[in-house]
Every structure is written in structure tokens, then in C-alpha cells.
Amino acid sequence: MFAFGFAWRDLQKLEPPSKEAFLALSGHSGRSPSTLSAVQVFRQSYHRILDRFAGKTDAKDLKYAAMEGMMASLGDPHTMFLPPEAAESFSIETKAKFVGVGARLRPDPLGARAVMVFEQGPGYRMGLRVGDWIVEVNGQKVAGLELNKIVSQIRGEEGTFVRLGILREGDHSIRELRVPRESVVTPTVQGRTLPETSIGYLAVDSFSEPTGAQFESTFRKLESEGIEALVVDVRGNPGGLLDTAREMLSLFIEDKVVVKMRLKSGKEEIVPSFAGNRKLIRMPTVILIDGDSASASEIFAGVLHDYRLATLIGETTFGKAAVQNVFKLKDNASAKITIAKYLLPSGVDISRKVDEDGQYVSGGIKPDIEVSNDPNNPPIIGDPKSDEPLKAAVELLRSKLGAHWLPAPTDDISRASTRTEWA
């Protein structure tokens, strides 16, 4: 009876009873600790905690904690374990596609507040607007709930409906919207021609799967409006997919080095831009960067800077020179693991370096022209009258257009590293 009871948990999972756990429970490992492999030691400890710990234990929580600890022990802030909920959020960010009502929400004491409503989404179509408070979901008040719990109630299966109780500035009563859940592609690129100029402005929020196509279509629309110069704003952009950065760079350079990746084996792998019969972008270009521009943002800015096709304005970038792959695990969890380090085409390593206290020492990409906004008087980002880096970009581009600008040659990047200081 003892043996059957002990084995019941494993049998429920359709696994053979654990010999190590059985021996550990009885106080005998059957083998000297020095002869056990690392996996056997871990499994023995795992089962010993589950079987002997006096408090409450949850096998899944214990497993996830072990995974998080294992990843953290590597000392790489970019290598991490993603539990199912975090893995789903990360997947949505990279794919920029989900089933919902088409709104970006932030937490609020009343529940959640819409900070962006996609004009092509079902929420906007049914009356949801920026600034609205979502105070009820399907008739249930959501004040005090965590944002992820509110969002999980709003999302659901495509073709179903969700009832949103909203408050709007000046409203005295809750209005109800019945919104169909639809597949929504997040707009990651916004563009317009700056007033009283022939300068196009493209703000890129992330480098997700649809970003490349959105970038090109938005640029071509501005091009048809007669723009003669371009500002690409990647401030606050945490990066994303290398392939997306490569796709966007292929609008400027054709069949040239994007990055050089150094793999664990020491082997160097070249990632080129795409070759094709497309019309390349050839106009004076400024890229706006800051300390939150990282990863694919830095690749995009650094590569165009190396080929002398763009001037960088703003603040030094973050300095993330690592390439990750995401591996799916059981229970819909994922592991994001650094597989390589990348160098820019000029051979520059932009890796961030910090001191013992985690304070920035060096790394990242320094701008050609350093300009910052006043943190005590934050501007409207994208407003050329109050946004100082954008104002500097407009002034520079106007001077280039007045001087009958010609594109720089893109074959020689040997002088690229002399234009800024690198550490």
C-alpha cells in the first residue's frame, strides 16, 4: 500500500515512479552524491522538497522557480525564462497580432484606461476612444483588478463578443459597448509630413513581424505626397526581430552587411540585407535615438550610420549587442536564450558595460548631435515646436536640402568608426 500510494502521483502523469524520489524519501539515495549527474541531483532535490517540505508546495511553481533561477545564474539579463502568461505577452509583442478589441490600455484606479485605440479595430468602430475608462467587462466591475486580468477578460475567441462598460470625460453614467472580438494587427509605425516642410516623420514603436511592411507602405505614402527628407524616430523602441530590422534596412541598402554575428563556437556569421529590384530610399535622413533605443533599433540606426546614409540625433542608445532565440517549452512556457553577439558592419561592438552597482560605464551608439528634452518640462513627442531632438533634425534637414544634398556612397564604411566615439 505504501509503494502504491507513493507511486500514485507519477502514475497520474503517465510517468514511471521516480526511483530517486522513492530512495530520497526513505533517506537513501542508493548512490554517492559525487556519482550523480547534475540532472539527477536536481531531480532528487526537487522530489525531496515536494515530498518533505512541511508547508504548501506546488509542483509547477517549484519548476518555474527552478527555471528562472537557472536562467538568472547565467548572468545574462537578456536570457530568461518566460512562464506561460509572460510567453503569451511576448509572442503578441513580436507578432503584433492578437484577438481582441484593438486598444492599448494602462492601469487605472477605475479599472483600465485606453491610451491608444486602433482606428481599424472593432473597438473604435463600436465607439471606444482614447481616454475612455473601462470600468466594467461583461457586467462585472474591474476596479482594483490587475491590468493583465482585465485584458484577459477582454480578449477571447475570434467571433465572440465582449461587453465593455466605459466612462468618458464629462460622463455621469456608464455607457455599454458590445464589441466583437477580432484579429487585430497592431500598428507599429506612424507617419506624417511635418507641417510647413517637405520632411516626412516616421515613428517606429517596435520591430515586430508586420513592422517592415508597415514602414514601407507608410514611407511610400509620404513619398507620394512629395517629401524630400526623412526623420525616423526610434526613441523608446526596445527592438524586436532582427529579420524585421534587416527588412527595413533593405529599403536603404541592397545586398550589404547588416550585422556580423559571433556564435558560441567562435564562428562568425554574416547577415546581409536583401537583394531585389526595389526602389531604394535616397534622401537626407535623420534617426532620432535615446537611452531606450535598444537591440533592433540600434542595428537599424547603427547600420545606416555606418554606411553614412543617416545622421543620428538624440542621446546614446542602450547598448544591447546580443541576439536571442525563443524556444518553446511545455505548458506554453518559453525560454529566451542569447545565442550570439553581433557587431555592426564597421566591426564596432556596442555592448553595454556597467560597474559593480549596475551603473552605465560605456557602450551603445553615440549620436552625431546630442540633444535632449528637458525632463522637468516634457514635450509632446513628435511636435517639432517642443520636441528638441526633432526640432534639431528639422533644422539639419532644411540645411541639407538647401545645399542640394546628394547621397553618400555606400560601399566604403572604413571611415564610419571615426565619426563618433565608441567604447
Protein backbone atom coordinates (compact mmCIF):
# COMPACT_ATOMS: atom_id res chain seq x y z
CA MET A 1 0.00 0.00 0.00
CA PHE A 2 2.88 2.39 0.83
CA ALA A 3 4.54 1.74 -2.51
CA PHE A 4 1.29 2.19 -4.43
CA GLY A 5 0.48 5.44 -2.62
CA PHE A 6 3.94 6.82 -3.25
CA ALA A 7 3.80 5.96 -6.94
CA TRP A 8 0.28 7.33 -7.50
CA ARG A 9 1.41 10.90 -8.36
CA ASP A 10 3.76 9.69 -11.10
CA LEU A 11 1.19 7.24 -12.45
CA GLN A 12 -1.35 10.07 -12.74
CA LYS A 13 1.12 11.83 -15.05
CA LEU A 14 1.62 8.62 -17.05
CA GLU A 15 5.24 8.51 -15.88
CA PRO A 16 7.09 5.63 -14.22
CA PRO A 17 7.57 6.06 -10.47
CA SER A 18 10.71 8.01 -9.61
CA LYS A 19 13.31 5.72 -8.13
CA GLU A 20 15.40 8.68 -6.96
CA ALA A 21 12.44 10.25 -5.17
CA PHE A 22 11.49 6.93 -3.56
CA LEU A 23 15.02 6.44 -2.25
CA ALA A 24 15.26 10.07 -1.17
CA LEU A 25 12.01 9.73 0.82
CA SER A 26 13.37 6.74 2.64
CA GLY A 27 16.62 8.56 3.35
CA HIS A 28 18.73 6.55 0.90
CA SER A 29 19.93 7.84 -2.44
CA GLY A 30 21.35 4.48 -3.47
CA ARG A 31 24.34 6.31 -4.93
CA SER A 32 27.05 8.58 -3.64
CA PRO A 33 26.28 12.26 -4.37
CA SER A 34 29.61 12.53 -6.18
CA THR A 35 28.48 9.91 -8.71
CA LEU A 36 25.17 11.61 -9.51
CA SER A 37 24.84 13.78 -12.61
CA ALA A 38 23.66 17.39 -12.29
CA VAL A 39 20.23 16.37 -13.63
CA GLN A 40 19.95 13.54 -11.08
CA VAL A 41 20.93 15.85 -8.21
CA PHE A 42 18.33 18.38 -9.32
CA ARG A 43 15.59 15.77 -9.67
CA GLN A 44 16.43 14.28 -6.30
CA SER A 45 16.25 17.69 -4.62
CA TYR A 46 13.06 18.60 -6.48
CA HIS A 47 11.24 15.47 -5.30
CA ARG A 48 12.65 15.78 -1.78
CA ILE A 49 11.19 19.30 -1.48
CA LEU A 50 7.82 18.18 -2.82
CA ASP A 51 7.66 15.17 -0.50
CA ARG A 52 9.19 16.53 2.70
CA PHE A 53 8.60 20.29 2.85
CA ALA A 54 6.20 20.96 5.73
CA GLY A 55 4.42 23.86 4.04
CA LYS A 56 2.32 24.01 0.90
CA THR A 57 4.09 23.19 -2.34
CA ASP A 58 3.04 23.41 -5.96
CA ALA A 59 4.99 21.32 -8.46
CA LYS A 60 4.52 23.85 -11.28
CA ASP A 61 5.57 26.85 -9.16
CA LEU A 62 8.62 24.94 -7.99
CA LYS A 63 9.55 24.00 -11.55
CA TYR A 64 9.13 27.58 -12.82
CA ALA A 65 11.19 28.97 -9.93
CA ALA A 66 13.95 26.49 -10.75
CA MET A 67 13.89 27.52 -14.41
CA GLU A 68 14.03 31.22 -13.51
CA GLY A 69 16.92 30.60 -11.12
CA MET A 70 18.81 28.55 -13.69
CA MET A 71 18.49 31.29 -16.31
CA ALA A 72 19.43 34.02 -13.82
CA SER A 73 22.57 32.12 -12.80
CA LEU A 74 23.99 32.66 -16.31
CA GLY A 75 24.48 36.36 -15.54
CA ASP A 76 22.93 37.47 -18.84
CA PRO A 77 20.00 39.88 -18.36
CA HIS A 78 18.68 39.00 -21.81
CA THR A 79 18.47 35.24 -21.19
CA MET A 80 15.31 34.49 -19.25
CA PHE A 81 12.53 32.02 -18.57
CA LEU A 82 9.05 33.13 -19.59
CA PRO A 83 6.11 31.49 -17.76
CA PRO A 84 3.03 30.87 -19.94
CA GLU A 85 1.42 34.27 -19.31
CA ALA A 86 4.66 36.17 -20.00
CA ALA A 87 5.37 33.95 -23.02
CA GLU A 88 1.96 34.80 -24.49
CA SER A 89 2.53 38.54 -23.98
CA PHE A 90 5.97 38.30 -25.58
CA SER A 91 4.51 36.41 -28.54
CA ILE A 92 1.87 39.10 -29.03
CA GLU A 93 4.56 41.79 -28.95
CA THR A 94 6.70 40.09 -31.59
CA LYS A 95 3.81 39.08 -33.84
CA ALA A 96 1.90 42.34 -33.20
CA LYS A 97 -1.26 40.33 -33.74
CA PHE A 98 -3.91 39.24 -31.27
CA VAL A 99 -7.65 38.66 -30.91
CA GLY A 100 -9.35 41.45 -29.01
CA VAL A 101 -10.97 44.86 -29.40
CA GLY A 102 -7.95 46.77 -30.72
CA ALA A 103 -6.87 49.07 -27.90
CA ARG A 104 -3.80 49.68 -25.78
CA LEU A 105 -4.70 50.02 -22.10
CA ARG A 106 -2.93 51.21 -18.99
CA PRO A 107 -3.84 50.53 -15.35
CA ASP A 108 -6.16 52.99 -13.64
CA PRO A 109 -7.87 53.10 -10.23
CA LEU A 110 -11.20 52.84 -12.06
CA GLY A 111 -10.07 49.74 -13.98
CA ALA A 112 -8.19 50.46 -17.22
CA ARG A 113 -7.80 53.46 -19.49
CA ALA A 114 -7.41 53.47 -23.27
CA VAL A 115 -4.19 55.22 -24.31
CA MET A 116 -4.48 54.10 -27.95
CA VAL A 117 -7.42 52.81 -29.95
CA PHE A 118 -6.62 51.39 -33.38
CA GLU A 119 -8.83 53.07 -35.97
CA GLN A 120 -9.08 49.85 -37.95
CA GLY A 121 -10.10 47.82 -34.89
CA PRO A 122 -13.56 46.76 -33.69
CA GLY A 123 -13.33 48.84 -30.50
CA TYR A 124 -13.02 52.10 -32.43
CA ARG A 125 -15.76 51.03 -34.80
CA MET A 126 -18.14 50.44 -31.88
CA GLY A 127 -17.32 53.75 -30.17
CA LEU A 128 -14.27 53.22 -27.92
CA ARG A 129 -11.98 56.26 -27.89
CA VAL A 130 -8.62 57.32 -26.45
CA GLY A 131 -9.07 58.49 -22.86
CA ASP A 132 -12.08 56.27 -22.12
CA TRP A 133 -12.09 54.39 -18.83
CA ILE A 134 -13.11 50.73 -18.97
CA VAL A 135 -14.85 50.16 -15.65
CA GLU A 136 -16.85 47.00 -16.41
CA VAL A 137 -16.27 43.90 -18.51
CA ASN A 138 -19.30 41.71 -19.21
CA GLY A 139 -21.23 43.42 -16.45
CA GLN A 140 -18.54 42.92 -13.79
CA LYS A 141 -16.72 45.88 -12.24
CA VAL A 142 -12.95 45.73 -12.81
CA ALA A 143 -11.73 48.47 -10.46
CA GLY A 144 -8.81 47.18 -8.40
CA LEU A 145 -8.00 44.28 -10.74
CA GLU A 146 -4.53 43.90 -12.22
CA LEU A 147 -4.34 45.06 -15.81
CA ASN A 148 -3.43 41.61 -17.15
CA LYS A 149 -6.58 40.16 -15.56
CA ILE A 150 -8.72 42.86 -17.18
CA VAL A 151 -7.07 42.28 -20.54
CA SER A 152 -7.56 38.51 -20.29
CA GLN A 153 -11.30 39.10 -19.80
CA ILE A 154 -11.49 41.42 -22.81
CA ARG A 155 -9.61 39.06 -25.13
CA GLY A 156 -11.16 35.82 -26.24
CA GLU A 157 -12.10 33.73 -29.23
CA GLU A 158 -12.46 35.45 -32.57
CA GLY A 159 -16.10 36.00 -33.49
CA THR A 160 -17.35 36.26 -29.91
CA PHE A 161 -18.46 39.49 -28.23
CA VAL A 162 -17.43 41.35 -25.08
CA ARG A 163 -19.49 43.98 -23.26
CA LEU A 164 -17.44 46.97 -22.11
CA GLY A 165 -18.78 49.43 -19.59
CA ILE A 166 -16.99 52.73 -20.23
CA LEU A 167 -16.82 56.19 -18.74
CA ARG A 168 -15.85 59.21 -20.79
CA GLU A 169 -14.64 62.60 -19.61
CA GLY A 170 -17.76 64.54 -18.59
CA ASP A 171 -19.99 61.44 -18.42
CA HIS A 172 -22.18 60.89 -15.36
CA SER A 173 -23.19 57.36 -16.23
CA ILE A 174 -21.63 54.23 -17.68
CA ARG A 175 -22.27 53.54 -21.34
CA GLU A 176 -22.13 49.97 -22.60
CA LEU A 177 -20.43 48.92 -25.83
CA ARG A 178 -20.94 45.46 -27.33
CA VAL A 179 -17.70 44.85 -29.20
CA PRO A 180 -16.86 41.87 -31.43
CA ARG A 181 -13.51 40.23 -30.80
CA GLU A 182 -11.47 40.26 -33.98
CA SER A 183 -7.95 39.53 -35.11
CA VAL A 184 -6.09 42.83 -34.78
CA VAL A 185 -2.72 43.75 -36.27
CA THR A 186 -1.06 46.35 -34.05
CA PRO A 187 0.10 49.48 -35.90
CA THR A 188 3.80 49.80 -35.02
CA VAL A 189 4.62 52.63 -37.46
CA GLN A 190 3.01 56.07 -37.57
CA GLY A 191 3.89 58.65 -40.19
CA ARG A 192 3.03 62.11 -41.44
CA THR A 193 4.53 65.06 -43.29
CA LEU A 194 5.69 67.67 -40.78
CA PRO A 195 3.74 70.96 -41.10
CA GLU A 196 5.21 73.65 -43.37
CA THR A 197 8.02 71.31 -44.51
CA SER A 198 8.75 68.66 -47.12
CA ILE A 199 10.06 66.37 -44.34
CA GLY A 200 8.46 63.02 -43.58
CA TYR A 201 8.30 61.80 -39.96
CA LEU A 202 8.08 58.06 -39.20
CA ALA A 203 7.80 56.90 -35.58
CA VAL A 204 8.60 53.19 -35.14
CA ASP A 205 7.36 51.68 -31.85
CA SER A 206 8.87 48.20 -32.20
CA PHE A 207 10.42 45.77 -34.66
CA SER A 208 7.68 43.14 -34.78
CA GLU A 209 6.62 40.92 -37.68
CA PRO A 210 4.39 43.45 -39.54
CA THR A 211 6.67 46.47 -38.92
CA GLY A 212 8.69 46.13 -42.14
CA ALA A 213 5.62 46.18 -44.38
CA GLN A 214 4.04 48.98 -42.33
CA PHE A 215 7.25 51.03 -42.57
CA GLU A 216 7.47 50.70 -46.35
CA SER A 217 3.79 51.39 -47.01
CA THR A 218 3.82 54.46 -44.74
CA PHE A 219 7.01 55.78 -46.34
CA ARG A 220 5.66 55.25 -49.89
CA LYS A 221 2.52 57.20 -48.94
CA LEU A 222 4.64 60.11 -47.68
CA GLU A 223 6.84 59.84 -50.76
CA SER A 224 3.76 60.25 -52.96
CA GLU A 225 3.00 63.44 -51.02
CA GLY A 226 6.34 64.86 -52.15
CA ILE A 227 8.63 64.57 -49.11
CA GLU A 228 12.29 65.32 -49.78
CA ALA A 229 13.82 64.32 -46.43
CA LEU A 230 13.07 61.82 -43.69
CA VAL A 231 13.12 61.57 -39.90
CA VAL A 232 12.86 58.07 -38.39
CA ASP A 233 12.13 58.13 -34.65
CA VAL A 234 13.19 55.01 -32.72
CA ARG A 235 13.33 56.67 -29.30
CA GLY A 236 11.86 54.40 -26.66
CA ASN A 237 11.89 51.50 -29.11
CA PRO A 238 13.13 48.37 -27.26
CA GLY A 239 13.82 46.49 -30.51
CA GLY A 240 12.45 43.15 -31.58
CA LEU A 241 13.17 40.93 -34.55
CA LEU A 242 16.50 41.02 -36.39
CA ASP A 243 14.73 39.93 -39.59
CA THR A 244 12.46 42.98 -39.38
CA ALA A 245 15.42 45.34 -38.99
CA ARG A 246 17.02 43.58 -41.95
CA GLU A 247 13.82 44.03 -43.99
CA MET A 248 13.67 47.75 -43.22
CA LEU A 249 17.37 48.28 -43.90
CA SER A 250 16.90 46.62 -47.30
CA LEU A 251 14.90 49.71 -48.28
CA PHE A 252 18.14 51.71 -47.96
CA ILE A 253 20.94 49.25 -48.80
CA GLU A 254 20.94 46.27 -51.12
CA ASP A 255 22.89 43.04 -50.55
CA LYS A 256 25.24 44.56 -47.97
CA VAL A 257 26.32 43.53 -44.48
CA VAL A 258 23.73 44.26 -41.77
CA VAL A 259 25.48 42.61 -38.82
CA LYS A 260 28.26 40.15 -38.13
CA MET A 261 27.21 37.57 -35.54
CA ARG A 262 29.72 35.79 -33.32
CA LEU A 263 28.33 32.42 -32.29
CA LYS A 264 29.23 30.35 -29.23
CA SER A 265 31.57 28.25 -31.37
CA GLY A 266 33.54 31.36 -32.27
CA LYS A 267 32.33 31.18 -35.84
CA GLU A 268 31.34 34.47 -37.45
CA GLU A 269 28.15 34.60 -39.48
CA ILE A 270 27.27 37.47 -41.83
CA VAL A 271 23.66 38.68 -42.05
CA PRO A 272 23.16 40.69 -45.29
CA SER A 273 20.38 42.96 -46.43
CA PHE A 274 18.06 41.59 -49.09
CA ALA A 275 18.75 41.98 -52.78
CA GLY A 276 15.89 42.85 -55.12
CA ASN A 277 14.58 45.15 -57.77
CA ARG A 278 13.02 47.62 -55.39
CA LYS A 279 13.33 51.40 -55.37
CA LEU A 280 15.80 52.31 -52.61
CA ILE A 281 15.25 55.25 -50.29
CA ARG A 282 17.66 58.02 -51.27
CA MET A 283 17.04 61.24 -49.40
CA PRO A 284 18.69 63.02 -46.45
CA THR A 285 17.73 61.04 -43.35
CA VAL A 286 17.94 61.63 -39.59
CA ILE A 287 17.36 58.94 -36.99
CA LEU A 288 16.29 60.00 -33.50
CA ILE A 289 17.70 57.80 -30.72
CA ASP A 290 17.78 57.74 -26.91
CA GLY A 291 18.77 55.53 -23.98
CA ASP A 292 15.73 53.30 -24.50
CA SER A 293 16.59 52.57 -28.15
CA ALA A 294 17.89 49.01 -27.99
CA SER A 295 18.53 45.83 -29.94
CA ALA A 296 16.98 46.04 -33.44
CA SER A 297 16.63 49.83 -33.02
CA GLU A 298 20.38 50.07 -32.57
CA ILE A 299 21.01 47.81 -35.54
CA PHE A 300 18.78 49.98 -37.74
CA ALA A 301 20.38 53.24 -36.61
CA GLY A 302 23.94 51.90 -36.44
CA VAL A 303 23.91 50.28 -39.88
CA LEU A 304 22.59 53.38 -41.68
CA HIS A 305 25.13 55.44 -39.77
CA ASP A 306 27.95 53.07 -40.76
CA TYR A 307 27.01 53.41 -44.43
CA ARG A 308 26.78 57.19 -43.99
CA LEU A 309 23.15 57.27 -45.03
CA ALA A 310 21.79 58.82 -41.82
CA THR A 311 22.70 61.34 -39.14
CA LEU A 312 21.95 60.35 -35.56
CA ILE A 313 20.42 62.91 -33.21
CA GLY A 314 19.41 62.50 -29.56
CA GLU A 315 21.06 60.52 -26.76
CA THR A 316 23.35 57.47 -26.51
CA THR A 317 21.46 54.22 -27.09
CA PHE A 318 21.15 51.36 -24.59
CA GLY A 319 23.89 49.05 -25.89
CA LYS A 320 22.28 45.64 -26.43
CA ALA A 321 24.54 43.67 -28.77
CA ALA A 322 23.02 40.24 -28.10
CA VAL A 323 20.91 38.04 -30.36
CA GLN A 324 18.27 35.79 -28.77
CA ASN A 325 16.29 32.80 -29.90
CA VAL A 326 13.00 31.88 -28.23
CA PHE A 327 12.47 28.19 -27.54
CA LYS A 328 9.00 26.89 -26.71
CA LEU A 329 8.72 24.65 -23.64
CA LYS A 330 5.93 22.54 -22.18
CA ASP A 331 2.96 24.23 -20.50
CA ASN A 332 3.19 27.01 -23.17
CA ALA A 333 6.21 28.47 -21.40
CA SER A 334 9.29 29.72 -23.30
CA ALA A 335 12.98 30.26 -22.82
CA LYS A 336 14.65 33.29 -24.40
CA ILE A 337 18.34 32.45 -24.78
CA THR A 338 21.23 34.54 -26.07
CA ILE A 339 22.81 32.61 -28.94
CA ALA A 340 25.22 35.17 -30.39
CA LYS A 341 26.78 38.60 -30.12
CA TYR A 342 26.56 40.98 -33.05
CA LEU A 343 28.90 43.62 -34.46
CA LEU A 344 27.91 46.46 -36.75
CA PRO A 345 29.21 46.41 -40.35
CA SER A 346 32.18 48.60 -39.34
CA GLY A 347 33.16 45.96 -36.76
CA VAL A 348 32.11 48.11 -33.78
CA ASP A 349 30.92 46.32 -30.65
CA ILE A 350 28.22 48.40 -28.93
CA SER A 351 27.84 46.11 -25.88
CA ARG A 352 26.71 47.92 -22.75
CA LYS A 353 29.17 47.85 -19.85
CA VAL A 354 28.19 48.61 -16.25
CA ASP A 355 30.05 48.85 -12.95
CA GLU A 356 29.54 46.73 -9.82
CA ASP A 357 26.50 48.81 -8.89
CA GLY A 358 24.94 48.33 -12.30
CA GLN A 359 25.63 51.91 -13.36
CA TYR A 360 26.34 52.63 -17.04
CA VAL A 361 30.03 52.88 -17.93
CA SER A 362 30.18 52.63 -21.71
CA GLY A 363 28.57 51.15 -24.81
CA GLY A 364 25.66 51.95 -27.04
CA ILE A 365 25.72 54.25 -30.05
CA LYS A 366 26.56 57.91 -29.53
CA PRO A 367 24.63 60.42 -31.61
CA ASP A 368 26.31 62.77 -34.06
CA ILE A 369 24.37 65.62 -32.49
CA GLU A 370 23.49 65.26 -28.81
CA VAL A 371 20.15 66.85 -27.94
CA SER A 372 17.81 66.07 -25.04
CA ASN A 373 14.40 67.18 -23.90
CA ASP A 374 14.01 68.81 -20.51
CA PRO A 375 12.73 66.05 -18.13
CA ASN A 376 11.10 68.74 -15.97
CA ASN A 377 9.19 70.10 -18.94
CA PRO A 378 8.37 67.06 -21.10
CA PRO A 379 7.28 67.91 -24.65
CA ILE A 380 4.73 66.34 -26.93
CA ILE A 381 6.87 63.72 -28.68
CA GLY A 382 6.71 64.29 -32.42
CA ASP A 383 5.88 68.00 -32.10
CA PRO A 384 8.67 69.93 -33.88
CA LYS A 385 7.91 73.05 -31.85
CA SER A 386 8.51 71.49 -28.41
CA ASP A 387 10.42 68.23 -29.11
CA GLU A 388 14.05 69.43 -29.08
CA PRO A 389 15.69 66.45 -30.89
CA LEU A 390 13.02 66.62 -33.62
CA LYS A 391 13.49 70.39 -33.86
CA ALA A 392 17.24 69.86 -34.36
CA ALA A 393 16.52 67.22 -37.02
CA VAL A 394 14.26 69.59 -38.96
CA GLU A 395 16.88 72.36 -38.87
CA LEU A 396 19.60 69.99 -40.09
CA LEU A 397 17.49 68.55 -42.91
CA ARG A 398 16.44 72.01 -44.08
CA SER A 399 20.09 72.99 -44.32
CA LYS A 400 20.89 69.82 -46.30
CA LEU A 401 18.03 70.40 -48.71
CA GLY A 402 19.16 73.99 -49.18
CA ALA A 403 22.66 72.74 -50.03
CA HIS A 404 21.34 70.44 -52.78
CA TRP A 405 22.04 67.25 -50.83
CA LEU A 406 23.46 64.20 -52.62
CA PRO A 407 23.53 60.68 -51.13
CA ALA A 408 26.83 59.47 -49.70
CA PRO A 409 28.47 56.45 -51.31
CA THR A 410 27.53 53.23 -49.51
CA ASP A 411 30.36 50.91 -50.49
CA ASP A 412 33.08 52.24 -48.20
CA ILE A 413 32.44 52.06 -44.44
CA SER A 414 36.08 52.24 -43.38
CA ARG A 415 35.62 55.79 -42.07
CA ALA A 416 32.41 55.06 -40.21
CA SER A 417 34.02 54.45 -36.83
CA THR A 418 35.90 57.78 -36.94
CA ARG A 419 32.69 59.79 -36.93
CA THR A 420 31.79 59.00 -33.30
CA GLU A 421 33.45 57.75 -30.17
CA TRP A 422 32.98 54.06 -29.32
CA ALA A 423 33.85 52.13 -26.18
